[in-house]
Amino acid sequence: MKVSDHENIYKQINKDGNSGKLVVLEAPTGCGKSYSVVSFLCQQALNNSGFKTFFVTDQKKNLMEKSFVNEWNRKRKSQKYSYKKIAVLRSLTDTVSLLVDDYTNKEIPMIIMKSNLEKALIKLQESFNLYNTIHNSDPDTISGWSELKKMEYEFRKSLAEVLSDLAGINFSNFNDVEVQKGIKAFLKTCPEELQRWINKIYPTIHPEDFQIFLCTTDKFIRSYTPFFKFEGELFQYSALIENSLVVFDEFDSTKTRFWNKSINDALTIKFDLIDLFDSILKGLQRVENDLPIKLNKILSEGKGYQHFLEIANKLNSEFKLSFLYKFNEMESSSYVIHTPGNTLVSLNKKRYAHFDENLKQIIVNQNEPDELNFSLMLRRVSGFIKYFNDFIVQCARRYMNFRNSHGSDLDMAITQMDAYRTIYHALRLDDRQIEGLVNILPEIKQNDKTNKISQYDPHDYHEFQKEGMSLYYFENSAAHDLETEINASFLNATAENFLLNLTKKCLVYGLSATAFAPTVLDNYDLDYLKEKLGDNFINGRKFLTKSTISEFDYVKRYHEHKIKNDSWIVGLKLTLKDSVEMALSHSRTKKISRIDIDWKKIQSLDSELQKTLNGIKCSNIKNREKEIQYFRTRYLSLFESFVYFILDKNLTSFLGLQSKLADESDEMSKVLIEKVFNGLCNELADKHESLPQLCFISTQNGQVQEMLNQALELLEKKDIRVYLLSAYASIGVGQNLQHKMSEKEKALAFNIAMPEVQRNDERMNQIDLGGMYLGDVTNIMTNLTDFKLSSDILKFVTGLEYLQDANEIGPFEVKRQMKAIQNRSPYCSHPKHTKSIPVSYTRAIIQALGRMNRTFNKVRRPLILAHSNVIKNIKYIHKDKMLFSPEFNSLMKKVDSENNILQQDYDTNVVKNNLTAYSYRDVNQLVHRLSSDEKFAEEYQKIRKLVLKYPTISNDDLKLLQSTSKRCLQYLPNSDRSISYCVDCGSINRGEIDFSSTIDFKEKTSLCVSEQESGLDILMNYKGLKQFFDSNGYATEWVPNENILNPIQYINLYRGILGEIAGKYIFEDVFGNQLRNFEKLGNNELFDYKIENNNVAIDFKNWNPSHLEDRKNALLKVQKKLNILENNENKKWRAIIINIIGENYSPVTITNDGKIMEVSALVDFNCQNSLTSEDKKLIGEFLIGN
C-alpha cells in the first residue's frame, strides 16, 4: 500500500467534517498498510498543525513509536522535534515501570533530581515492587493497584513542586490553576533534555500540544489521567479526541478487547441495587429545597427531576423498597442474569419475595406465590437507574456548558465527566455508586441522528445492543445480618456502541486483513454498524488505486516467481511410526535410508505417547475412548509436522500453532513434546549440521517478544533451523515473525517485491516463515465446565446474545443453552448452523497464515500442514477469492468444494422466531403494566389499533411506524407476499412458536394466521361495518405486502381488538345501548366495555372455531375479574361474555348467582344474526338488572 491510498480515503471521509464517519479497510497481511499509514499520519500532521490523530493497536510492541519518530524526522530533516508532537499514552503500570527504569539507569535529568522527588520515587518504587509481587502470584487480582495509583499521584505532586521551583513559581497547591499554567509555560522554554523526558513520561501535562498519540486498545477503551488530576478521563467523553482521526490497527481484534473489558467491569464494578435506588430517591427528594439554584434549574429542565421522583416513589411503593430484603436460604455463587429476552437463574432456583408484616421485612425464598415479583423488581429498578443515569448525562452536558461560560477566564474548564460526578456528589451518592453508574455510560440511543429511516432493515432488532444485560449476585454476611446484599452491575456497553459513540466526536479508520469477516464473535456486528451509520459506514477498498489492488494479488505474484505452496492434512495415522514412514515417501522430503533410522526408538516415542494418553482424566467417562482419540490425533498431528520440518532442510523456520499452549498437563505435555522432537531430530536430521531447535513461545510473564527474539537469533546468527511452537491467542494475530536473512537463507530466498519498492525497505532483507502447522481451533465459544459466576459464564451468555442479535440463533437455542447453565450441564453442544462460528474459525486460520506474509522474500515451496478439523471447518468467507492469501487458497484445495463457501443468507425461520419472541416479551411487558401505568396503557391501545390498520404492511410504512417505537411492531418478512401462513406451536401463553418445525413441543399444534381465521372476512359482511372500518382507517381485507403479522401480534393483539371493535359495533346496532370504556387505570383489561348506569361489564371474545377451554375455569377467571372490578369501583357489577362468531347455536346462559351471562355468538359464519328473540329478551333483561 502507498501513502496516496490513505490520502484518498481521508479526503473522502474528511470533506464533510471531522466526525461522524467510520471507514474500514480490509487489506492483506504484509501489504504495508501499517507502514504506509505511519507515513500518511506524519505527513498530515506536518502539513496541518490542527491535525490530530490517535494510532491504536492491540499490542504494545506494535505501537511503532520508532517508526513514527523516524518518519517524522525523515520528513522534517531541519527540525527534528518529534518529541513535541508524538506522544505515547501508557497505562499506570507501564508509566511507573518506565519511571523506575529511568531512575535505576540514571536517565532522569539531574536538573529535577531534588531530594523530595527522589523520596517520592523511592516510595513509588516500593509500591511498584509490592504490586508486582502480588500480581505475579495472582495475575487476576487488583490488590495493590489503588495504593500504586496513590503513590504515582504523590510523585506527580512532587514533580510539579520541583518544576514550579525551577520556573520561579510559588507552589501553593497542586490544583492551583496559576501553578499549572506556569509549569506548562516553563516546559516550553526549559532545556531540551527536560522537555524530552517530561514528554516521554507525562505527555498529559500538556496534551493539547501533541498531534500524534500512540496507545494500546486496552488503554484507549478506558481512560487517560491528566497530569494535574487524580481520576482518569474516559477517552470517549474527553475533549482530547474531538475532531481527531482515530486509526485502529487490527480493527476487528479491538472487539474482543472491549468485550473482555466490559465483562471484567461487570464482575468488578458493582453496587448494592436497593441501596443505590434509595440514594437516588433521597437525592431527588433533596433537589427542590437543598440544592443550589443553578443546579436545581438544570435538573428541572425537560422532563425534569419531578418525573423521575414520581417513578421512584411508585417503585418504592410497589416493591416496598424501603424495607430490608433478606434471603432465607442461599447457596454460594447465587446469581441472576437478565438478558433482553431471558432470565438465567443459578442452579435453576427461582426466588420469590414476600412481605412479612410481623418482621417488617421482605423475605426472599423459593416458596410461591411471588407477592412482590422479585425478578420484575430487579428489572424495573435497574431500568429506572439506567433511565435516570441517562438523564444525568444530559444534565451534565448542560451544567458543563453553563459552568464554562459563566466562570472567570482564569478558571480551568470542566469536562462533561467532571459535571457528571459533580451532580451525583450533590445528590449525595458515594464514589463507589458513581463508579458503577459510570460503567453504564457508553450507551448509544436508538434515535441517533446518524440513523436514517430509509437505510435500516425493519427486521433487525439488535436487542442486546440496545438493552445490554443486567447481572445480580447475592451475598449474606454477619456484617449485614438483617439484609441480603443485592449486588448489581450492568453490561450494556458493547464494542459496537463504543465505536458509534466515537464517531460522534471524531473520524474512525479501521485496518485489518479480516476487517469484513462476517462474525459477531471475533469482529464487530457490521450489519448493526451499517444500520446505525448508513452512508457514513465506508468501505475504504473502493478508494484504492488500481496499482494497489494489483499489489494485493499475491496469487499472481507467487505464480510469476514460481513459488508454490504445499498443503497437507496431518494426523491421519494411528502411530508416530506410521507418520514417519508416510513422510519418507513424500517427494519434497529429504531422501534418507530407512536403514539409518532406529525404528525401536521411534516406537519408544509411541509408547511415551500412549503412557501420557493413559494419564488423561476425561470429563465424561462414557466418552473416554472418543476423547482419548481426539488427544491422540492432536499429538500425532503436531508430531507429524515435526517430521516434515526436520526432513526438509529448506524449511529454516517453521511455526506450529494450537489452541492450547504446551504445559505440565497430560493434555498437552511440554515434556512429551520436547522428548518427541529431540528423538525425531536424532533419527531424522542431517548429522552433519546443527540439530534443529524447538522453541516454546508462551505469554506467561509477558515475555513473548523476548522469547521470539532469542529463537530467531539462532537463525540469524547461528544458521540453526528453528520450530516455534505457540498458541493462536499468543502469536496467531499481530505478531511479526519474519527475521533477517542468514547467509544460507539468502541462497534459498525468492523476492516477490513490486518494482516500486525502495531497496532500503527493511522487508527486502528479511524472510518469511518457511512453513506452518495449524492445529485445531477450539473455544470459539467458551466450553463451560464450572458454572459459578465468572468471566467464562458472562462471555458465553453475551456470545449467545450477539448471535441472536445477528439472527443466527433463535429463542429456543438461547433457552436450551441457558437451561444447560442453570442445570450445570457441561456437555451441552454449542449452537449449530450459525455463520459466526465457522467464520471465527476461518478468521483464526487466515490471521495465523498472515504470519507467513510479512516480507518480500519467500522460500520456493512454503509448507502448510493442518489438523483434519481445520479442513472440516474453514470456508471462503467472501466470494472474491483474490481477497485470500495463496497459503489459504492452497489449504482450501483440501476442502470439499461443495462445503467450502459460507452460506451468506440468514435463515428466515430464525428471523421469524426471534421477531415473534420479541413481540411475546413486549406484549407481556405492556399487559403487566396496563393497570398501573397510564403511559403503557395508552401505548397498548395505540399498538392494537395499528395492527388492526396494518395486518400486512410495506417496509417503508413499517419503518415509519418504528421510527418512534419498535415495541410490538415485529412484523414478519413476507417475501412471497402471502396473506396467510401456518406455524407449529405449543403453548401460546408461553410463546412456544417455531417456524423451523424442529422443536418437539409437548402438545404440538398448528396455528394458522389469516384474514379468514381471524373472522375479518365474515364480519365485513355485516351491514355498515365495512364502511365503519374504512372511515377509521382499519383494514377491511388483508392485501399482499412485504410484511405480515407474527403469531403473537395476531393472537394477542389483532384478534382481540378486531373482536372488541366489531363486537361493540354489532352490539350497539342490535341493542341500542352505548358501550363505554372504563376510565380508571386499575380496570384496564378486566373487561372491554361497560354499560355505565347499569353496572354491566361487556367482554367480547374473538375465538377461533377450535377454541376449547374448560367452562368452569373460564367462569372462575371472569369471577376473579369481577371481584377486582367491584373492589376498584366499590359497588356490585355483572358481566356478559360474548363470542363474536359462532358455528353452532347455543342458547344464552346465566350463572346461578345471576352475575355472569354467556353468549355463544353474535353472528354465524354467514354473518347472520345468531341471537333468537328469546336470547335478545334475556340479554335486554340482564342489561337493566331484571
Foldseek 3Di string as FASTA:
>chain_A
DALVLVVLLCCVQPVVAFFQFEAEEAFFFQLCPLLRVLLNLLVVCVVDVPAAEEEAEADPVPLCPVSNLVSNCVVVVVDSVVLQAEFEFDDLLVLLVVVLVCVVVVLQDPLQPDPVLVVLNVVLVVLSVVVCVVCQVPVPDCPSVVVNLVSVLVSLLSSLVSLCVVLVHDCDDLQQLVSLVSSVVCLVPDDPSNVSVCRHNAVLSCVVRYRYYTYYLLDLQAFGCRSSDSDTDRNLQDPSLFSHEYEYEAALQSQVSVLLVLLVCQVPQKAQLLVLLVLLLLLLVCLPPPFDPVLSVLQCPDVHSVVLNVLSVVLCVLQVSVAFEAEPDDDPLWKWKFALFDIFTALPQDKAWDQDPVVRHIYIYRDDDRRSPVVVSVVSSVVSLLVVLVSLLVSLVVVQVVPVVPDDPSDDRDTSVVSSVVSSVSSVDDPSSVVLSVSQPLADAPLDPLADLVQAFLLQDLRCQHQPMKMWTWDDDPVCPRHIRTMIHTSNNGPLSSVSSSSVRRYYYYYHNCQPLCAVLRGPNVNVNCNRRPVSHHHSVVSGDPVSLVSLQQVVLLVVLLFAAAEAAWLPDQFLLVLLVVLCPDPQFANDDPVLFDVVLRVVLRVVLVVLLVPDDDPDPVCSVVVSSVLSSLVRLVLSVLSRCQRHLLQQEEEEAAADFADCHSSRDPVSVVSSSVSSQVRRHDPVDDTAEEFEAECPPNCRVVSLVVQCCCCAPVVHRYYYYYYLVRALADDANKDFHHPVVVVQKTFSDDPVDDCPPVLVRIAFGQEYEYEQHDPSQNQDQDLRDDSNVVSNLVSVSSQLSVLQAAPVLSVVVSVCSNVNPRPDDDDPRGQNSLSVLQVSVQSNCSSRNNGRIYGRYRYYYYHPVSLVRHAPSDPDCSSGHSNVVSSPVSHDPVPHHGDDDRDLQSSLRRLLSQQLVLLVVLVVCQLPDVVSVVVQVVVLQVCQLPQDDASSVLSVVPSVHCRNSNWRFDVVLDQKDKWKAEDVNVSGTGRVPPDDHPHIDIDMDHCVQLLLQQLCPPPPPVVVCVVVNGDSHHGRYRTGHRPCCRVVRHSQVVQLVSVQVLVCVVQVQHWAADDRSNLPPLAGTARPVQQEGEHEGADGAPDDDDPVVVVVSNVVSQVSVCVVVVHHHAYEYEYAEDADADAWDADPVRRYIYHDHQAYSNRHGRDDPVRVVVVVCSSNPD
